[in-house]
Amino acid sequence: MASSLIPDPLQMWRDALTQLESNVNSFVTGSLDSRDLVRSVHQLSAVSTGLQQAFEKAIGSYLAKVNLPSRKDVAELAEALRRIEDKVDRLAPPDAAHAMPRPARTRRPPDAEPTAAAPAASAKATAAARPRRPAAKRTSARAGSRS
């Protein structure tokens, strides 16, 4: 493949990145030989871990004061719920939802189903049981204009 007069920008980017990575690797490798740097990194790690634990403890006590669950509490609750669901699944038969017939979805209870001859009497009884609305009163201006 012949090389073109215009350099490939992506190839230039790859070469620069490769050179940067090798320089950083050699610097880190050479500096980790120093005991002072290793000691400093270890102290920084210990301080970071201590700050993280103190922060988690402070957040935990704050959440307890405001009566909110922590992430640990929610995880424990989710695990308990999963165990309960597994137990229920083992106790229930595989097609328990389809085995039992569901009741009819009507407004009347099952024992008050009307017979074939009683629907008209039932409709009259419900109409008689409804309260009547009072007639609208006329305002004085309307009443005066009519007389």
N, C-alpha and C. Protein backbone atom coordinates (compact mmCIF):
# COMPACT_ATOMS: atom_id res chain seq x y z
N MET A 1 0.84 -1.15 0.00
CA MET A 1 0.00 0.00 0.00
C MET A 1 0.90 1.23 0.00
N ALA A 2 0.65 2.12 -0.89
CA ALA A 2 1.49 3.31 -1.02
C ALA A 2 1.08 4.35 0.00
N SER A 3 2.07 5.07 0.52
CA SER A 3 1.77 6.10 1.50
C SER A 3 1.33 7.36 0.77
N SER A 4 0.34 8.06 1.34
CA SER A 4 -0.14 9.27 0.70
C SER A 4 0.62 10.48 1.21
N LEU A 5 0.45 11.59 0.53
CA LEU A 5 1.11 12.82 0.94
C LEU A 5 0.46 13.42 2.17
N ILE A 6 -0.82 13.13 2.40
CA ILE A 6 -1.55 13.65 3.55
C ILE A 6 -1.46 12.61 4.68
N PRO A 7 -0.93 13.01 5.85
CA PRO A 7 -0.82 12.03 6.94
C PRO A 7 -2.19 11.70 7.51
N ASP A 8 -2.34 10.47 8.00
CA ASP A 8 -3.58 10.00 8.59
C ASP A 8 -3.71 10.56 10.00
N PRO A 9 -4.73 11.40 10.30
CA PRO A 9 -4.85 11.98 11.65
C PRO A 9 -5.13 10.93 12.71
N LEU A 10 -5.87 9.89 12.37
CA LEU A 10 -6.15 8.85 13.35
C LEU A 10 -4.88 8.07 13.71
N GLN A 11 -4.04 7.83 12.72
CA GLN A 11 -2.78 7.13 13.00
C GLN A 11 -1.89 8.00 13.87
N MET A 12 -1.87 9.31 13.62
CA MET A 12 -1.09 10.22 14.46
C MET A 12 -1.61 10.19 15.90
N TRP A 13 -2.95 10.14 16.05
CA TRP A 13 -3.56 10.09 17.38
C TRP A 13 -3.18 8.79 18.09
N ARG A 14 -3.22 7.67 17.39
CA ARG A 14 -2.84 6.38 17.99
C ARG A 14 -1.38 6.37 18.41
N ASP A 15 -0.50 6.93 17.59
CA ASP A 15 0.92 6.97 17.93
C ASP A 15 1.16 7.84 19.17
N ALA A 16 0.49 9.01 19.23
CA ALA A 16 0.66 9.90 20.38
C ALA A 16 0.15 9.24 21.65
N LEU A 17 -0.99 8.56 21.56
CA LEU A 17 -1.57 7.89 22.72
C LEU A 17 -0.67 6.75 23.20
N THR A 18 -0.13 6.00 22.28
CA THR A 18 0.77 4.90 22.64
C THR A 18 2.02 5.43 23.33
N GLN A 19 2.57 6.52 22.80
CA GLN A 19 3.77 7.10 23.41
C GLN A 19 3.45 7.65 24.81
N LEU A 20 2.29 8.29 24.97
CA LEU A 20 1.89 8.82 26.29
C LEU A 20 1.74 7.68 27.30
N GLU A 21 1.09 6.60 26.88
CA GLU A 21 0.91 5.45 27.79
C GLU A 21 2.26 4.86 28.21
N SER A 22 3.16 4.73 27.28
CA SER A 22 4.46 4.15 27.63
C SER A 22 5.23 5.08 28.56
N ASN A 23 5.15 6.39 28.37
CA ASN A 23 5.83 7.33 29.26
C ASN A 23 5.24 7.28 30.67
N VAL A 24 3.91 7.24 30.77
CA VAL A 24 3.26 7.18 32.08
C VAL A 24 3.62 5.87 32.78
N ASN A 25 3.59 4.75 32.04
CA ASN A 25 3.94 3.46 32.64
C ASN A 25 5.37 3.45 33.16
N SER A 26 6.29 3.99 32.40
CA SER A 26 7.69 3.99 32.86
C SER A 26 7.86 4.92 34.07
N PHE A 27 7.14 6.04 34.10
CA PHE A 27 7.22 6.94 35.25
C PHE A 27 6.68 6.29 36.52
N VAL A 28 5.52 5.66 36.39
CA VAL A 28 4.91 5.02 37.56
C VAL A 28 5.76 3.85 38.04
N THR A 29 6.28 3.08 37.13
CA THR A 29 7.10 1.94 37.50
C THR A 29 8.38 2.41 38.21
N GLY A 30 8.99 3.45 37.70
CA GLY A 30 10.21 3.97 38.32
C GLY A 30 9.94 4.62 39.66
N SER A 31 8.81 5.30 39.80
CA SER A 31 8.55 5.99 41.06
C SER A 31 8.04 5.04 42.14
N LEU A 32 7.48 3.91 41.78
CA LEU A 32 7.01 2.97 42.80
C LEU A 32 8.19 2.24 43.46
N ASP A 33 9.35 2.38 42.89
CA ASP A 33 10.54 1.78 43.53
C ASP A 33 10.92 2.57 44.78
N SER A 34 10.46 3.80 44.89
CA SER A 34 10.78 4.63 46.05
C SER A 34 9.90 4.23 47.23
N ARG A 35 10.53 4.02 48.39
CA ARG A 35 9.77 3.63 49.59
C ARG A 35 8.89 4.79 50.07
N ASP A 36 9.36 6.00 49.91
CA ASP A 36 8.56 7.16 50.37
C ASP A 36 7.24 7.26 49.60
N LEU A 37 7.30 7.05 48.29
CA LEU A 37 6.08 7.13 47.49
C LEU A 37 5.11 6.01 47.87
N VAL A 38 5.62 4.81 48.05
CA VAL A 38 4.76 3.68 48.43
C VAL A 38 4.13 3.95 49.79
N ARG A 39 4.90 4.48 50.74
CA ARG A 39 4.38 4.81 52.07
C ARG A 39 3.28 5.88 51.95
N SER A 40 3.49 6.88 51.12
CA SER A 40 2.51 7.96 50.94
C SER A 40 1.22 7.43 50.32
N VAL A 41 1.37 6.55 49.33
CA VAL A 41 0.17 5.96 48.69
C VAL A 41 -0.59 5.12 49.71
N HIS A 42 0.11 4.39 50.54
CA HIS A 42 -0.54 3.56 51.57
C HIS A 42 -1.27 4.44 52.59
N GLN A 43 -0.63 5.54 53.03
CA GLN A 43 -1.29 6.45 53.96
C GLN A 43 -2.52 7.10 53.33
N LEU A 44 -2.40 7.49 52.07
CA LEU A 44 -3.54 8.08 51.37
C LEU A 44 -4.69 7.09 51.27
N SER A 45 -4.37 5.85 51.01
CA SER A 45 -5.40 4.81 50.93
C SER A 45 -6.07 4.61 52.30
N ALA A 46 -5.27 4.59 53.37
CA ALA A 46 -5.83 4.41 54.71
C ALA A 46 -6.72 5.58 55.10
N VAL A 47 -6.29 6.81 54.78
CA VAL A 47 -7.10 8.00 55.09
C VAL A 47 -8.40 7.96 54.29
N SER A 48 -8.32 7.58 53.03
CA SER A 48 -9.52 7.50 52.19
C SER A 48 -10.51 6.48 52.74
N THR A 49 -10.02 5.33 53.15
CA THR A 49 -10.90 4.30 53.72
C THR A 49 -11.53 4.78 55.02
N GLY A 50 -10.74 5.44 55.88
CA GLY A 50 -11.27 5.97 57.14
C GLY A 50 -12.34 7.03 56.90
N LEU A 51 -12.11 7.93 55.93
CA LEU A 51 -13.12 8.95 55.60
C LEU A 51 -14.40 8.32 55.06
N GLN A 52 -14.24 7.30 54.25
CA GLN A 52 -15.42 6.63 53.70
C GLN A 52 -16.24 5.97 54.82
N GLN A 53 -15.58 5.32 55.76
CA GLN A 53 -16.29 4.68 56.87
C GLN A 53 -16.95 5.72 57.77
N ALA A 54 -16.27 6.84 58.02
CA ALA A 54 -16.86 7.90 58.84
C ALA A 54 -18.07 8.51 58.15
N PHE A 55 -17.98 8.69 56.84
CA PHE A 55 -19.10 9.24 56.08
C PHE A 55 -20.30 8.29 56.12
N GLU A 56 -20.05 7.00 55.92
CA GLU A 56 -21.14 6.02 55.96
C GLU A 56 -21.79 5.98 57.34
N LYS A 57 -20.98 6.09 58.40
CA LYS A 57 -21.51 6.09 59.76
C LYS A 57 -22.36 7.34 60.01
N ALA A 58 -21.89 8.50 59.53
CA ALA A 58 -22.65 9.75 59.71
C ALA A 58 -23.96 9.71 58.94
N ILE A 59 -23.92 9.21 57.72
CA ILE A 59 -25.15 9.10 56.92
C ILE A 59 -26.11 8.11 57.57
N GLY A 60 -25.59 7.00 58.08
CA GLY A 60 -26.44 6.00 58.75
C GLY A 60 -27.12 6.57 59.98
N SER A 61 -26.39 7.34 60.78
CA SER A 61 -27.02 7.92 61.97
C SER A 61 -28.04 8.99 61.58
N TYR A 62 -27.75 9.76 60.52
CA TYR A 62 -28.72 10.76 60.06
C TYR A 62 -30.00 10.09 59.57
N LEU A 63 -29.86 9.03 58.78
CA LEU A 63 -31.04 8.33 58.28
C LEU A 63 -31.84 7.71 59.42
N ALA A 64 -31.16 7.24 60.45
CA ALA A 64 -31.87 6.68 61.60
C ALA A 64 -32.64 7.77 62.33
N LYS A 65 -32.05 8.98 62.43
CA LYS A 65 -32.74 10.08 63.11
C LYS A 65 -33.98 10.53 62.36
N VAL A 66 -33.93 10.55 61.05
CA VAL A 66 -35.10 10.99 60.27
C VAL A 66 -36.00 9.82 59.89
N ASN A 67 -35.72 8.65 60.45
CA ASN A 67 -36.55 7.46 60.28
C ASN A 67 -36.67 7.05 58.82
N LEU A 68 -35.53 7.02 58.13
CA LEU A 68 -35.47 6.55 56.74
C LEU A 68 -34.56 5.33 56.68
N PRO A 69 -34.86 4.40 55.79
CA PRO A 69 -34.01 3.20 55.71
C PRO A 69 -32.71 3.52 54.97
N SER A 70 -31.67 2.83 55.37
CA SER A 70 -30.39 2.97 54.67
C SER A 70 -30.37 1.99 53.51
N ARG A 71 -29.33 2.07 52.70
CA ARG A 71 -29.21 1.15 51.57
C ARG A 71 -29.11 -0.29 52.07
N LYS A 72 -28.43 -0.48 53.19
CA LYS A 72 -28.29 -1.81 53.77
C LYS A 72 -29.65 -2.35 54.22
N ASP A 73 -30.46 -1.48 54.84
CA ASP A 73 -31.80 -1.90 55.29
C ASP A 73 -32.68 -2.31 54.11
N VAL A 74 -32.62 -1.53 53.04
CA VAL A 74 -33.42 -1.84 51.85
C VAL A 74 -32.96 -3.15 51.23
N ALA A 75 -31.64 -3.37 51.18
CA ALA A 75 -31.12 -4.62 50.63
C ALA A 75 -31.56 -5.82 51.48
N GLU A 76 -31.52 -5.67 52.81
CA GLU A 76 -31.98 -6.76 53.69
C GLU A 76 -33.46 -7.03 53.50
N LEU A 77 -34.25 -5.98 53.35
CA LEU A 77 -35.69 -6.13 53.13
C LEU A 77 -35.97 -6.82 51.80
N ALA A 78 -35.23 -6.45 50.77
CA ALA A 78 -35.41 -7.09 49.46
C ALA A 78 -35.05 -8.56 49.52
N GLU A 79 -34.00 -8.89 50.25
CA GLU A 79 -33.60 -10.30 50.39
C GLU A 79 -34.66 -11.09 51.16
N ALA A 80 -35.20 -10.50 52.23
CA ALA A 80 -36.25 -11.18 52.99
C ALA A 80 -37.50 -11.38 52.12
N LEU A 81 -37.84 -10.38 51.34
CA LEU A 81 -39.00 -10.49 50.46
C LEU A 81 -38.79 -11.57 49.41
N ARG A 82 -37.58 -11.66 48.88
CA ARG A 82 -37.28 -12.70 47.89
C ARG A 82 -37.42 -14.09 48.51
N ARG A 83 -36.93 -14.26 49.76
CA ARG A 83 -37.07 -15.56 50.43
C ARG A 83 -38.54 -15.91 50.65
N ILE A 84 -39.34 -14.92 51.06
CA ILE A 84 -40.78 -15.17 51.29
C ILE A 84 -41.46 -15.56 49.98
N GLU A 85 -41.15 -14.84 48.91
CA GLU A 85 -41.76 -15.17 47.62
C GLU A 85 -41.36 -16.57 47.16
N ASP A 86 -40.12 -16.95 47.39
CA ASP A 86 -39.70 -18.31 47.03
C ASP A 86 -40.47 -19.36 47.82
N LYS A 87 -40.70 -19.11 49.11
CA LYS A 87 -41.45 -20.06 49.93
C LYS A 87 -42.90 -20.16 49.46
N VAL A 88 -43.51 -19.02 49.14
CA VAL A 88 -44.89 -19.02 48.66
C VAL A 88 -44.98 -19.76 47.33
N ASP A 89 -44.01 -19.56 46.46
CA ASP A 89 -44.01 -20.27 45.18
C ASP A 89 -43.88 -21.77 45.36
N ARG A 90 -43.11 -22.19 46.37
CA ARG A 90 -42.99 -23.63 46.61
C ARG A 90 -44.26 -24.21 47.22
N LEU A 91 -44.99 -23.41 48.02
CA LEU A 91 -46.20 -23.91 48.67
C LEU A 91 -47.40 -23.93 47.72
N ALA A 92 -47.49 -22.98 46.83
CA ALA A 92 -48.65 -22.88 45.94
C ALA A 92 -48.51 -23.90 44.81
N PRO A 93 -49.65 -24.47 44.40
CA PRO A 93 -49.59 -25.38 43.25
C PRO A 93 -49.25 -24.56 41.99
N PRO A 94 -48.75 -25.20 40.96
CA PRO A 94 -48.29 -24.47 39.79
C PRO A 94 -49.36 -23.60 39.13
N ASP A 95 -50.60 -24.11 39.01
CA ASP A 95 -51.67 -23.34 38.37
C ASP A 95 -52.76 -22.99 39.37
N ALA A 96 -52.40 -22.49 40.53
CA ALA A 96 -53.38 -22.16 41.56
C ALA A 96 -54.26 -21.00 41.14
N ALA A 97 -53.75 -20.09 40.39
CA ALA A 97 -54.54 -18.93 39.98
C ALA A 97 -55.63 -19.32 39.00
N HIS A 98 -55.38 -20.35 38.17
CA HIS A 98 -56.36 -20.75 37.18
C HIS A 98 -57.32 -21.81 37.69
N ALA A 99 -57.00 -22.45 38.81
CA ALA A 99 -57.81 -23.55 39.30
C ALA A 99 -59.09 -23.07 39.98
N MET A 100 -59.06 -21.95 40.70
CA MET A 100 -60.24 -21.50 41.42
C MET A 100 -61.09 -20.60 40.54
N PRO A 101 -62.41 -20.84 40.50
CA PRO A 101 -63.26 -19.95 39.70
C PRO A 101 -63.40 -18.59 40.38
N ARG A 102 -63.46 -17.57 39.60
CA ARG A 102 -63.61 -16.22 40.14
C ARG A 102 -65.08 -15.87 40.21
N PRO A 103 -65.49 -15.10 41.19
CA PRO A 103 -66.90 -14.71 41.29
C PRO A 103 -67.26 -13.73 40.17
N ALA A 104 -68.57 -13.69 39.87
CA ALA A 104 -69.04 -12.77 38.84
C ALA A 104 -68.86 -11.34 39.33
N ARG A 105 -68.50 -10.45 38.44
CA ARG A 105 -68.26 -9.06 38.80
C ARG A 105 -69.53 -8.26 38.57
N THR A 106 -70.46 -8.34 39.53
CA THR A 106 -71.71 -7.58 39.47
C THR A 106 -71.80 -6.71 40.70
N ARG A 107 -72.77 -5.81 40.69
CA ARG A 107 -72.95 -4.95 41.85
C ARG A 107 -73.78 -5.63 42.93
N ARG A 108 -74.47 -6.67 42.58
CA ARG A 108 -75.31 -7.38 43.54
C ARG A 108 -74.54 -8.52 44.16
N PRO A 109 -74.80 -8.81 45.42
CA PRO A 109 -74.16 -9.98 46.02
C PRO A 109 -74.69 -11.25 45.37
N PRO A 110 -73.94 -12.36 45.44
CA PRO A 110 -74.35 -13.59 44.75
C PRO A 110 -75.71 -14.12 45.19
N ASP A 111 -76.12 -13.95 46.46
CA ASP A 111 -77.39 -14.50 46.92
C ASP A 111 -78.57 -13.61 46.52
N ALA A 112 -78.37 -12.42 46.01
CA ALA A 112 -79.46 -11.52 45.65
C ALA A 112 -79.66 -11.43 44.14
N GLU A 113 -79.23 -12.43 43.40
CA GLU A 113 -79.43 -12.42 41.96
C GLU A 113 -80.93 -12.51 41.67
N PRO A 114 -81.46 -11.64 40.81
CA PRO A 114 -82.90 -11.65 40.53
C PRO A 114 -83.28 -12.86 39.67
N THR A 115 -84.50 -13.28 39.84
CA THR A 115 -85.01 -14.37 39.01
C THR A 115 -85.53 -13.77 37.71
N ALA A 116 -86.01 -14.59 36.81
CA ALA A 116 -86.45 -14.11 35.50
C ALA A 116 -87.71 -13.24 35.63
N ALA A 117 -88.60 -13.52 36.60
CA ALA A 117 -89.84 -12.77 36.73
C ALA A 117 -89.66 -11.51 37.57
N ALA A 118 -88.61 -11.40 38.32
CA ALA A 118 -88.46 -10.31 39.26
C ALA A 118 -87.71 -9.08 38.76
N PRO A 119 -87.17 -9.01 37.54
CA PRO A 119 -86.43 -7.81 37.17
C PRO A 119 -87.29 -6.54 37.14
N ALA A 120 -88.52 -6.63 36.68
CA ALA A 120 -89.37 -5.43 36.62
C ALA A 120 -89.71 -4.95 38.02
N ALA A 121 -90.03 -5.86 38.93
CA ALA A 121 -90.34 -5.48 40.30
C ALA A 121 -89.11 -4.90 40.99
N SER A 122 -87.97 -5.44 40.66
CA SER A 122 -86.73 -4.94 41.25
C SER A 122 -86.45 -3.53 40.76
N ALA A 123 -86.70 -3.25 39.49
CA ALA A 123 -86.46 -1.92 38.95
C ALA A 123 -87.41 -0.91 39.59
N LYS A 124 -88.69 -1.29 39.81
CA LYS A 124 -89.64 -0.38 40.44
C LYS A 124 -89.24 -0.10 41.89
N ALA A 125 -88.74 -1.10 42.58
CA ALA A 125 -88.35 -0.93 43.98
C ALA A 125 -87.15 0.01 44.08
N THR A 126 -86.22 -0.12 43.17
CA THR A 126 -85.06 0.78 43.22
C THR A 126 -85.46 2.20 42.86
N ALA A 127 -86.38 2.38 41.93
CA ALA A 127 -86.83 3.73 41.58
C ALA A 127 -87.56 4.37 42.76
N ALA A 128 -88.35 3.58 43.47
CA ALA A 128 -89.09 4.12 44.62
C ALA A 128 -88.13 4.43 45.78
N ALA A 129 -87.02 3.72 45.86
CA ALA A 129 -86.10 3.93 46.97
C ALA A 129 -85.20 5.14 46.76
N ARG A 130 -85.11 5.64 45.53
CA ARG A 130 -84.27 6.80 45.27
C ARG A 130 -84.90 8.04 45.86
N PRO A 131 -84.09 8.89 46.50
CA PRO A 131 -84.66 10.13 47.03
C PRO A 131 -84.95 11.10 45.88
N ARG A 132 -86.05 11.85 46.04
CA ARG A 132 -86.40 12.82 45.00
C ARG A 132 -85.66 14.11 45.26
N ARG A 133 -85.33 14.77 44.17
CA ARG A 133 -84.69 16.07 44.30
C ARG A 133 -85.76 17.12 44.52
N PRO A 134 -85.50 18.10 45.38
CA PRO A 134 -86.49 19.15 45.57
C PRO A 134 -86.57 20.01 44.30
N ALA A 135 -87.75 20.53 44.06
CA ALA A 135 -87.95 21.37 42.88
C ALA A 135 -87.17 22.66 43.06
N ALA A 136 -86.66 23.18 41.95
CA ALA A 136 -85.88 24.41 42.01
C ALA A 136 -86.79 25.58 42.32
N LYS A 137 -86.35 26.43 43.25
CA LYS A 137 -87.15 27.59 43.61
C LYS A 137 -86.88 28.72 42.63
N ARG A 138 -87.88 29.49 42.36
CA ARG A 138 -87.70 30.64 41.48
C ARG A 138 -87.14 31.78 42.28
N THR A 139 -86.30 32.55 41.64
CA THR A 139 -85.78 33.75 42.30
C THR A 139 -86.84 34.81 42.27
N SER A 140 -86.73 35.80 43.11
CA SER A 140 -87.77 36.84 43.21
C SER A 140 -87.85 37.66 41.92
N ALA A 141 -86.77 37.86 41.24
CA ALA A 141 -86.81 38.64 40.00
C ALA A 141 -87.57 37.89 38.93
N ARG A 142 -87.40 36.61 38.85
CA ARG A 142 -88.12 35.83 37.86
C ARG A 142 -89.58 35.72 38.22
N ALA A 143 -89.85 35.56 39.50
CA ALA A 143 -91.24 35.41 39.93
C ALA A 143 -91.99 36.72 39.66
N GLY A 144 -91.36 37.88 39.85
CA GLY A 144 -92.03 39.15 39.65
C GLY A 144 -92.29 39.45 38.18
N SER A 145 -91.43 38.97 37.31
CA SER A 145 -91.61 39.27 35.90
C SER A 145 -92.74 38.45 35.29
N ARG A 146 -93.12 37.37 35.88
CA ARG A 146 -94.17 36.53 35.34
C ARG A 146 -95.54 36.99 35.81
N SER A 147 -95.64 37.64 36.89
CA SER A 147 -96.97 37.98 37.34
C SER A 147 -97.41 39.33 36.85
